[in-house]
Amino acid sequence: MPKNVLKEFKVLLVEDEVNIAKLLKDAIGDYFFSFTLAKNGQEGLEKMKIIKPDIIITDIMMPKLDGLAMTEKIKQIDDSIPVIVLSAFSEKEKLLNAIDIGITKYFIKPFDPDEVLDYLISLATKLDKKKVFKLSEDLYFDRNKNNLFDKNDKIINLTKREKDFLYLLIKSHPNSVSVEKIKKTLWEREEATDERLRTFIKRIRAKTSKTLIKNISGQGYLISPDNI
């Protein structure tokens, strides 16, 4: 399978053993759009929020916040991100817990970087097919480019927060997203009133379509089911 499928993907590797982190980055890091390192779970969680990786690879036993606790927090933020676990054979019981919280794959140390690369190519191929979302006859959202386009392939000018909001609704479809989750995701460290959210959505509708985003009374918002 071609390695060039990886060039659009961002990987976050969370590993406290410097030698292992360096080995993996040197072996496969250049194939990706970016390959970011974090040395513990707390740093991994912080970097995940900033860089929004497509794939996360993590060790289990780490200081400050272990890999499983970090994964649980990440899944609360975005449960669509694949998480691959690197584990020592002695951590078998912890691996069972890892499966319970929704990891995608695990590799037992010592592992072969080429084996990890082959799996990432397979995973990226599947993810790549899900990166372009047709929202209507006139609009589509491309996660590879992180932009909204019209039917003539012209970019619709959106702010980063507006793009994040659309993607939040897309990945949750066909379910709605609660008002509280929207506020927490988009304004993590800011106060966000209901009025601020309504004004924000009104602005997006003005740039896109009045029918693109629907309000479900008492539940939240969703991308119109007629458009996907």
C-alpha atoms as a PDB file:
ATOM      1  CA  MET A   1       0.000   0.000   0.000  1.00  0.00           C
ATOM      2  CA  PRO A   2       1.387   3.444  -0.878  1.00  0.00           C
ATOM      3  CA  LYS A   3       3.020   5.445   1.922  1.00  0.00           C
ATOM      4  CA  ASN A   4       1.961   8.760   0.348  1.00  0.00           C
ATOM      5  CA  VAL A   5      -1.494   8.340   1.941  1.00  0.00           C
ATOM      6  CA  LEU A   6       0.226   9.340   5.213  1.00  0.00           C
ATOM      7  CA  LYS A   7       1.375  12.775   4.088  1.00  0.00           C
ATOM      8  CA  GLU A   8      -1.876  14.485   5.097  1.00  0.00           C
ATOM      9  CA  PHE A   9      -1.979  12.956   8.590  1.00  0.00           C
ATOM     10  CA  LYS A  10      -0.812  14.318  11.936  1.00  0.00           C
ATOM     11  CA  VAL A  11       0.473  11.845  14.527  1.00  0.00           C
ATOM     12  CA  LEU A  12       0.992  12.435  18.246  1.00  0.00           C
ATOM     13  CA  LEU A  13       3.365   9.987  19.965  1.00  0.00           C
ATOM     14  CA  VAL A  14       3.160   9.984  23.779  1.00  0.00           C
ATOM     15  CA  GLU A  15       6.134   8.054  25.174  1.00  0.00           C
ATOM     16  CA  ASP A  16       8.330   8.736  28.207  1.00  0.00           C
ATOM     17  CA  GLU A  17      11.176   6.457  27.063  1.00  0.00           C
ATOM     18  CA  VAL A  18      13.311   8.793  24.982  1.00  0.00           C
ATOM     19  CA  ASN A  19      15.046   6.021  23.035  1.00  0.00           C
ATOM     20  CA  ILE A  20      11.756   4.439  21.926  1.00  0.00           C
ATOM     21  CA  ALA A  21      10.260   7.810  20.967  1.00  0.00           C
ATOM     22  CA  LYS A  22      13.360   8.700  18.930  1.00  0.00           C
ATOM     23  CA  LEU A  23      13.469   5.263  17.294  1.00  0.00           C
ATOM     24  CA  LEU A  24       9.865   5.495  16.109  1.00  0.00           C
ATOM     25  CA  LYS A  25      10.088   9.101  14.972  1.00  0.00           C
ATOM     26  CA  ASP A  26      13.338   8.495  13.050  1.00  0.00           C
ATOM     27  CA  ALA A  27      11.912   5.326  11.463  1.00  0.00           C
ATOM     28  CA  ILE A  28       8.504   6.559  10.318  1.00  0.00           C
ATOM     29  CA  GLY A  29       8.048  10.244  11.254  1.00  0.00           C
ATOM     30  CA  ASP A  30       9.001  11.677   7.863  1.00  0.00           C
ATOM     31  CA  TYR A  31       6.102   9.961   6.120  1.00  0.00           C
ATOM     32  CA  PHE A  32       3.545  12.139   7.936  1.00  0.00           C
ATOM     33  CA  PHE A  33       2.455  15.751   7.698  1.00  0.00           C
ATOM     34  CA  SER A  34       3.639  16.070  11.289  1.00  0.00           C
ATOM     35  CA  PHE A  35       4.884  13.672  13.980  1.00  0.00           C
ATOM     36  CA  THR A  36       4.766  15.321  17.408  1.00  0.00           C
ATOM     37  CA  LEU A  37       6.299  13.913  20.602  1.00  0.00           C
ATOM     38  CA  ALA A  38       5.046  14.221  24.182  1.00  0.00           C
ATOM     39  CA  LYS A  39       6.859  12.714  27.171  1.00  0.00           C
ATOM     40  CA  ASN A  40       3.903  12.009  29.481  1.00  0.00           C
ATOM     41  CA  GLY A  41       0.134  11.774  29.469  1.00  0.00           C
ATOM     42  CA  GLN A  42      -0.453  15.299  30.736  1.00  0.00           C
ATOM     43  CA  GLU A  43       1.729  16.794  28.006  1.00  0.00           C
ATOM     44  CA  GLY A  44       0.066  14.474  25.491  1.00  0.00           C
ATOM     45  CA  LEU A  45      -3.394  15.723  26.463  1.00  0.00           C
ATOM     46  CA  GLU A  46      -2.294  19.352  26.182  1.00  0.00           C
ATOM     47  CA  LYS A  47      -0.673  18.824  22.778  1.00  0.00           C
ATOM     48  CA  MET A  48      -3.689  16.877  21.537  1.00  0.00           C
ATOM     49  CA  LYS A  49      -5.902  19.919  22.173  1.00  0.00           C
ATOM     50  CA  ILE A  50      -3.498  22.183  20.283  1.00  0.00           C
ATOM     51  CA  ILE A  51      -2.469  20.154  17.232  1.00  0.00           C
ATOM     52  CA  LYS A  52      -5.642  18.018  16.869  1.00  0.00           C
ATOM     53  CA  PRO A  53      -3.839  14.884  15.626  1.00  0.00           C
ATOM     54  CA  ASP A  54      -5.465  12.360  13.327  1.00  0.00           C
ATOM     55  CA  ILE A  55      -3.808   9.427  15.118  1.00  0.00           C
ATOM     56  CA  ILE A  56      -2.394   9.033  18.641  1.00  0.00           C
ATOM     57  CA  ILE A  57       0.221   6.454  19.663  1.00  0.00           C
ATOM     58  CA  THR A  58       0.814   6.104  23.396  1.00  0.00           C
ATOM     59  CA  ASP A  59       2.716   4.125  25.999  1.00  0.00           C
ATOM     60  CA  ILE A  60       0.750   2.907  29.045  1.00  0.00           C
ATOM     61  CA  MET A  61       3.080   3.451  32.012  1.00  0.00           C
ATOM     62  CA  MET A  62       4.093   7.126  32.168  1.00  0.00           C
ATOM     63  CA  PRO A  63       4.533   9.802  34.842  1.00  0.00           C
ATOM     64  CA  LYS A  64       1.954  12.501  35.684  1.00  0.00           C
ATOM     65  CA  LEU A  65      -0.837  10.833  33.690  1.00  0.00           C
ATOM     66  CA  ASP A  66      -0.623   7.290  32.347  1.00  0.00           C
ATOM     67  CA  GLY A  67      -1.626   6.334  28.823  1.00  0.00           C
ATOM     68  CA  LEU A  68      -4.988   4.824  29.752  1.00  0.00           C
ATOM     69  CA  ALA A  69      -6.093   7.790  31.865  1.00  0.00           C
ATOM     70  CA  MET A  70      -4.983  10.119  29.058  1.00  0.00           C
ATOM     71  CA  THR A  71      -6.929   8.044  26.512  1.00  0.00           C
ATOM     72  CA  GLU A  72     -10.103   8.236  28.616  1.00  0.00           C
ATOM     73  CA  LYS A  73      -9.821  12.034  28.716  1.00  0.00           C
ATOM     74  CA  ILE A  74      -9.116  12.193  24.976  1.00  0.00           C
ATOM     75  CA  LYS A  75     -12.135  10.016  24.186  1.00  0.00           C
ATOM     76  CA  GLN A  76     -14.313  12.421  26.176  1.00  0.00           C
ATOM     77  CA  ILE A  77     -13.105  15.235  23.934  1.00  0.00           C
ATOM     78  CA  ASP A  78     -13.095  13.361  20.612  1.00  0.00           C
ATOM     79  CA  ASP A  79     -13.952   9.681  20.582  1.00  0.00           C
ATOM     80  CA  SER A  80     -13.251   9.415  16.839  1.00  0.00           C
ATOM     81  CA  ILE A  81      -9.448   9.720  17.174  1.00  0.00           C
ATOM     82  CA  PRO A  82      -7.774   6.303  16.807  1.00  0.00           C
ATOM     83  CA  VAL A  83      -5.476   5.513  19.761  1.00  0.00           C
ATOM     84  CA  ILE A  84      -2.727   2.913  19.374  1.00  0.00           C
ATOM     85  CA  VAL A  85      -1.111   1.577  22.540  1.00  0.00           C
ATOM     86  CA  LEU A  86       2.516   0.487  23.000  1.00  0.00           C
ATOM     87  CA  SER A  87       2.713  -1.965  25.881  1.00  0.00           C
ATOM     88  CA  ALA A  88       5.171  -4.178  27.722  1.00  0.00           C
ATOM     89  CA  PHE A  89       4.118  -7.832  27.879  1.00  0.00           C
ATOM     90  CA  SER A  90       3.916  -7.576  31.682  1.00  0.00           C
ATOM     91  CA  GLU A  91       1.085  -5.029  31.328  1.00  0.00           C
ATOM     92  CA  LYS A  92      -1.378  -7.627  30.022  1.00  0.00           C
ATOM     93  CA  GLU A  93      -4.080  -6.756  32.557  1.00  0.00           C
ATOM     94  CA  LYS A  94      -3.804  -3.082  31.684  1.00  0.00           C
ATOM     95  CA  LEU A  95      -4.224  -3.962  28.009  1.00  0.00           C
ATOM     96  CA  LEU A  96      -7.632  -5.443  28.801  1.00  0.00           C
ATOM     97  CA  ASN A  97      -8.589  -2.105  30.345  1.00  0.00           C
ATOM     98  CA  ALA A  98      -7.235  -0.350  27.264  1.00  0.00           C
ATOM     99  CA  ILE A  99      -9.555  -2.393  25.057  1.00  0.00           C
ATOM    100  CA  ASP A 100     -12.493  -1.463  27.287  1.00  0.00           C
ATOM    101  CA  ILE A 101     -11.876   2.268  26.802  1.00  0.00           C
ATOM    102  CA  GLY A 102     -11.756   1.969  23.035  1.00  0.00           C
ATOM    103  CA  ILE A 103      -8.173   1.700  21.812  1.00  0.00           C
ATOM    104  CA  THR A 104      -7.816   0.855  18.137  1.00  0.00           C
ATOM    105  CA  LYS A 105      -4.721  -1.391  18.251  1.00  0.00           C
ATOM    106  CA  TYR A 106      -1.844  -2.363  20.517  1.00  0.00           C
ATOM    107  CA  PHE A 107       1.770  -3.411  19.926  1.00  0.00           C
ATOM    108  CA  ILE A 108       3.860  -5.328  22.448  1.00  0.00           C
ATOM    109  CA  LYS A 109       7.361  -3.995  23.109  1.00  0.00           C
ATOM    110  CA  PRO A 110       9.829  -4.573  21.586  1.00  0.00           C
ATOM    111  CA  PHE A 111       7.960  -3.916  18.340  1.00  0.00           C
ATOM    112  CA  ASP A 112       9.032  -3.648  14.709  1.00  0.00           C
ATOM    113  CA  PRO A 113       8.644  -0.041  13.411  1.00  0.00           C
ATOM    114  CA  ASP A 114       7.852  -1.421   9.944  1.00  0.00           C
ATOM    115  CA  GLU A 115       4.955  -3.396  11.403  1.00  0.00           C
ATOM    116  CA  VAL A 116       3.638  -0.217  13.039  1.00  0.00           C
ATOM    117  CA  LEU A 117       4.071   1.652   9.744  1.00  0.00           C
ATOM    118  CA  ASP A 118       2.144  -1.006   7.792  1.00  0.00           C
ATOM    119  CA  TYR A 119      -0.728  -0.751  10.250  1.00  0.00           C
ATOM    120  CA  LEU A 120      -0.719   3.068  10.083  1.00  0.00           C
ATOM    121  CA  ILE A 121      -0.911   2.935   6.275  1.00  0.00           C
ATOM    122  CA  SER A 122      -3.925   0.628   6.516  1.00  0.00           C
ATOM    123  CA  LEU A 123      -5.546   2.838   9.156  1.00  0.00           C
ATOM    124  CA  ALA A 124      -4.844   6.078   7.267  1.00  0.00           C
ATOM    125  CA  THR A 125      -6.348   4.630   4.097  1.00  0.00           C
ATOM    126  CA  LYS A 126      -9.613   3.997   5.957  1.00  0.00           C
ATOM    127  CA  LEU A 127      -9.540   7.398   7.653  1.00  0.00           C
ATOM    128  CA  ASP A 128      -8.767   9.218   4.400  1.00  0.00           C
ATOM    129  CA  LYS A 129     -12.036   8.028   2.890  1.00  0.00           C
ATOM    130  CA  LYS A 130     -13.883   9.678   5.773  1.00  0.00           C
ATOM    131  CA  LYS A 131     -12.150  13.032   5.450  1.00  0.00           C
ATOM    132  CA  VAL A 132     -14.393  14.575   2.806  1.00  0.00           C
ATOM    133  CA  PHE A 133     -17.985  15.193   3.898  1.00  0.00           C
ATOM    134  CA  LYS A 134     -20.673  16.218   1.439  1.00  0.00           C
ATOM    135  CA  LEU A 135     -22.986  18.532   3.359  1.00  0.00           C
ATOM    136  CA  SER A 136     -25.317  19.465   0.503  1.00  0.00           C
ATOM    137  CA  GLU A 137     -25.352  19.794  -3.263  1.00  0.00           C
ATOM    138  CA  ASP A 138     -23.451  23.050  -2.824  1.00  0.00           C
ATOM    139  CA  LEU A 139     -21.111  22.416   0.122  1.00  0.00           C
ATOM    140  CA  TYR A 140     -18.494  19.900   1.240  1.00  0.00           C
ATOM    141  CA  PHE A 141     -16.057  19.864   4.149  1.00  0.00           C
ATOM    142  CA  ASP A 142     -12.529  18.541   3.560  1.00  0.00           C
ATOM    143  CA  ARG A 143     -10.714  17.484   6.740  1.00  0.00           C
ATOM    144  CA  ASN A 144      -7.465  17.000   4.829  1.00  0.00           C
ATOM    145  CA  LYS A 145      -7.434  20.723   4.089  1.00  0.00           C
ATOM    146  CA  ASN A 146      -9.602  21.669   7.086  1.00  0.00           C
ATOM    147  CA  ASN A 147     -11.776  23.880   4.927  1.00  0.00           C
ATOM    148  CA  LEU A 148     -15.340  24.208   3.699  1.00  0.00           C
ATOM    149  CA  PHE A 149     -15.795  24.415  -0.091  1.00  0.00           C
ATOM    150  CA  ASP A 150     -18.665  25.292  -2.394  1.00  0.00           C
ATOM    151  CA  LYS A 151     -19.672  23.316  -5.501  1.00  0.00           C
ATOM    152  CA  ASN A 152     -17.086  25.233  -7.561  1.00  0.00           C
ATOM    153  CA  ASP A 153     -14.295  24.188  -5.140  1.00  0.00           C
ATOM    154  CA  LYS A 154     -14.040  27.718  -3.791  1.00  0.00           C
ATOM    155  CA  ILE A 155     -13.170  28.027  -0.086  1.00  0.00           C
ATOM    156  CA  ILE A 156     -15.892  29.380   2.205  1.00  0.00           C
ATOM    157  CA  ASN A 157     -14.146  31.751   4.572  1.00  0.00           C
ATOM    158  CA  LEU A 158     -14.617  30.387   8.108  1.00  0.00           C
ATOM    159  CA  THR A 159     -12.784  31.077  11.344  1.00  0.00           C
ATOM    160  CA  LYS A 160     -10.960  28.238  13.091  1.00  0.00           C
ATOM    161  CA  ARG A 161     -13.730  28.056  15.707  1.00  0.00           C
ATOM    162  CA  GLU A 162     -16.393  27.847  13.005  1.00  0.00           C
ATOM    163  CA  LYS A 163     -14.508  24.986  11.319  1.00  0.00           C
ATOM    164  CA  ASP A 164     -14.152  23.196  14.659  1.00  0.00           C
ATOM    165  CA  PHE A 165     -17.890  23.572  15.234  1.00  0.00           C
ATOM    166  CA  LEU A 166     -18.820  22.110  11.845  1.00  0.00           C
ATOM    167  CA  TYR A 167     -16.495  19.173  12.355  1.00  0.00           C
ATOM    168  CA  LEU A 168     -17.916  18.551  15.827  1.00  0.00           C
ATOM    169  CA  LEU A 169     -21.392  18.237  14.305  1.00  0.00           C
ATOM    170  CA  ILE A 170     -20.178  16.137  11.361  1.00  0.00           C
ATOM    171  CA  LYS A 171     -18.401  13.520  13.453  1.00  0.00           C
ATOM    172  CA  SER A 172     -21.405  13.267  15.795  1.00  0.00           C
ATOM    173  CA  HIS A 173     -23.924  12.812  12.973  1.00  0.00           C
ATOM    174  CA  PRO A 174     -26.635  11.522  13.018  1.00  0.00           C
ATOM    175  CA  ASN A 175     -26.742  12.431  16.711  1.00  0.00           C
ATOM    176  CA  SER A 176     -27.101  15.970  17.982  1.00  0.00           C
ATOM    177  CA  VAL A 177     -24.451  17.697  20.086  1.00  0.00           C
ATOM    178  CA  SER A 178     -25.562  19.246  23.360  1.00  0.00           C
ATOM    179  CA  VAL A 179     -25.238  22.953  23.969  1.00  0.00           C
ATOM    180  CA  GLU A 180     -22.954  22.289  26.940  1.00  0.00           C
ATOM    181  CA  LYS A 181     -20.567  20.139  24.889  1.00  0.00           C
ATOM    182  CA  ILE A 182     -20.431  22.764  22.137  1.00  0.00           C
ATOM    183  CA  LYS A 183     -19.603  25.486  24.650  1.00  0.00           C
ATOM    184  CA  LYS A 184     -16.974  23.358  26.388  1.00  0.00           C
ATOM    185  CA  THR A 185     -15.325  22.382  23.098  1.00  0.00           C
ATOM    186  CA  LEU A 186     -15.296  25.799  21.436  1.00  0.00           C
ATOM    187  CA  TRP A 187     -14.846  28.091  24.445  1.00  0.00           C
ATOM    188  CA  GLU A 188     -12.880  25.898  26.831  1.00  0.00           C
ATOM    189  CA  ARG A 189     -11.469  28.729  28.948  1.00  0.00           C
ATOM    190  CA  GLU A 190     -14.028  31.417  28.163  1.00  0.00           C
ATOM    191  CA  GLU A 191     -17.533  32.175  29.310  1.00  0.00           C
ATOM    192  CA  ALA A 192     -20.065  31.301  26.624  1.00  0.00           C
ATOM    193  CA  THR A 193     -23.697  32.290  27.063  1.00  0.00           C
ATOM    194  CA  ASP A 194     -26.612  30.828  25.099  1.00  0.00           C
ATOM    195  CA  GLU A 195     -26.903  34.150  23.322  1.00  0.00           C
ATOM    196  CA  ARG A 196     -23.247  34.025  22.271  1.00  0.00           C
ATOM    197  CA  LEU A 197     -23.760  30.528  20.845  1.00  0.00           C
ATOM    198  CA  ARG A 198     -26.905  31.556  18.952  1.00  0.00           C
ATOM    199  CA  THR A 199     -25.105  34.556  17.444  1.00  0.00           C
ATOM    200  CA  PHE A 200     -22.169  32.329  16.505  1.00  0.00           C
ATOM    201  CA  ILE A 201     -24.462  29.823  14.724  1.00  0.00           C
ATOM    202  CA  LYS A 202     -26.398  32.605  13.001  1.00  0.00           C
ATOM    203  CA  ARG A 203     -23.104  33.867  11.543  1.00  0.00           C
ATOM    204  CA  ILE A 204     -22.230  30.409  10.207  1.00  0.00           C
ATOM    205  CA  ARG A 205     -25.681  30.025   8.642  1.00  0.00           C
ATOM    206  CA  ALA A 206     -25.217  33.379   6.918  1.00  0.00           C
ATOM    207  CA  LYS A 207     -21.946  32.137   5.403  1.00  0.00           C
ATOM    208  CA  THR A 208     -23.265  28.707   4.410  1.00  0.00           C
ATOM    209  CA  SER A 209     -26.968  27.835   4.389  1.00  0.00           C
ATOM    210  CA  LYS A 210     -29.950  28.561   6.619  1.00  0.00           C
ATOM    211  CA  THR A 211     -30.857  24.869   6.649  1.00  0.00           C
ATOM    212  CA  LEU A 212     -27.383  23.403   7.248  1.00  0.00           C
ATOM    213  CA  ILE A 213     -27.521  23.464  11.062  1.00  0.00           C
ATOM    214  CA  LYS A 214     -30.672  22.385  12.887  1.00  0.00           C
ATOM    215  CA  ASN A 215     -31.643  23.100  16.478  1.00  0.00           C
ATOM    216  CA  ILE A 216     -33.241  20.114  18.231  1.00  0.00           C
ATOM    217  CA  SER A 217     -35.246  21.508  21.126  1.00  0.00           C
ATOM    218  CA  GLY A 218     -33.940  20.329  24.483  1.00  0.00           C
ATOM    219  CA  GLN A 219     -31.081  18.360  22.872  1.00  0.00           C
ATOM    220  CA  GLY A 220     -28.720  20.658  20.992  1.00  0.00           C
ATOM    221  CA  TYR A 221     -27.641  21.072  17.368  1.00  0.00           C
ATOM    222  CA  LEU A 222     -26.932  18.781  14.441  1.00  0.00           C
ATOM    223  CA  ILE A 223     -25.989  18.953  10.794  1.00  0.00           C
ATOM    224  CA  SER A 224     -29.183  18.607   8.762  1.00  0.00           C
ATOM    225  CA  PRO A 225     -29.729  14.886   8.084  1.00  0.00           C
ATOM    226  CA  ASP A 226     -30.947  15.832   4.600  1.00  0.00           C
ATOM    227  CA  ASN A 227     -27.503  17.149   3.768  1.00  0.00           C
ATOM    228  CA  ILE A 228     -25.275  14.148   4.558  1.00  0.00           C
END
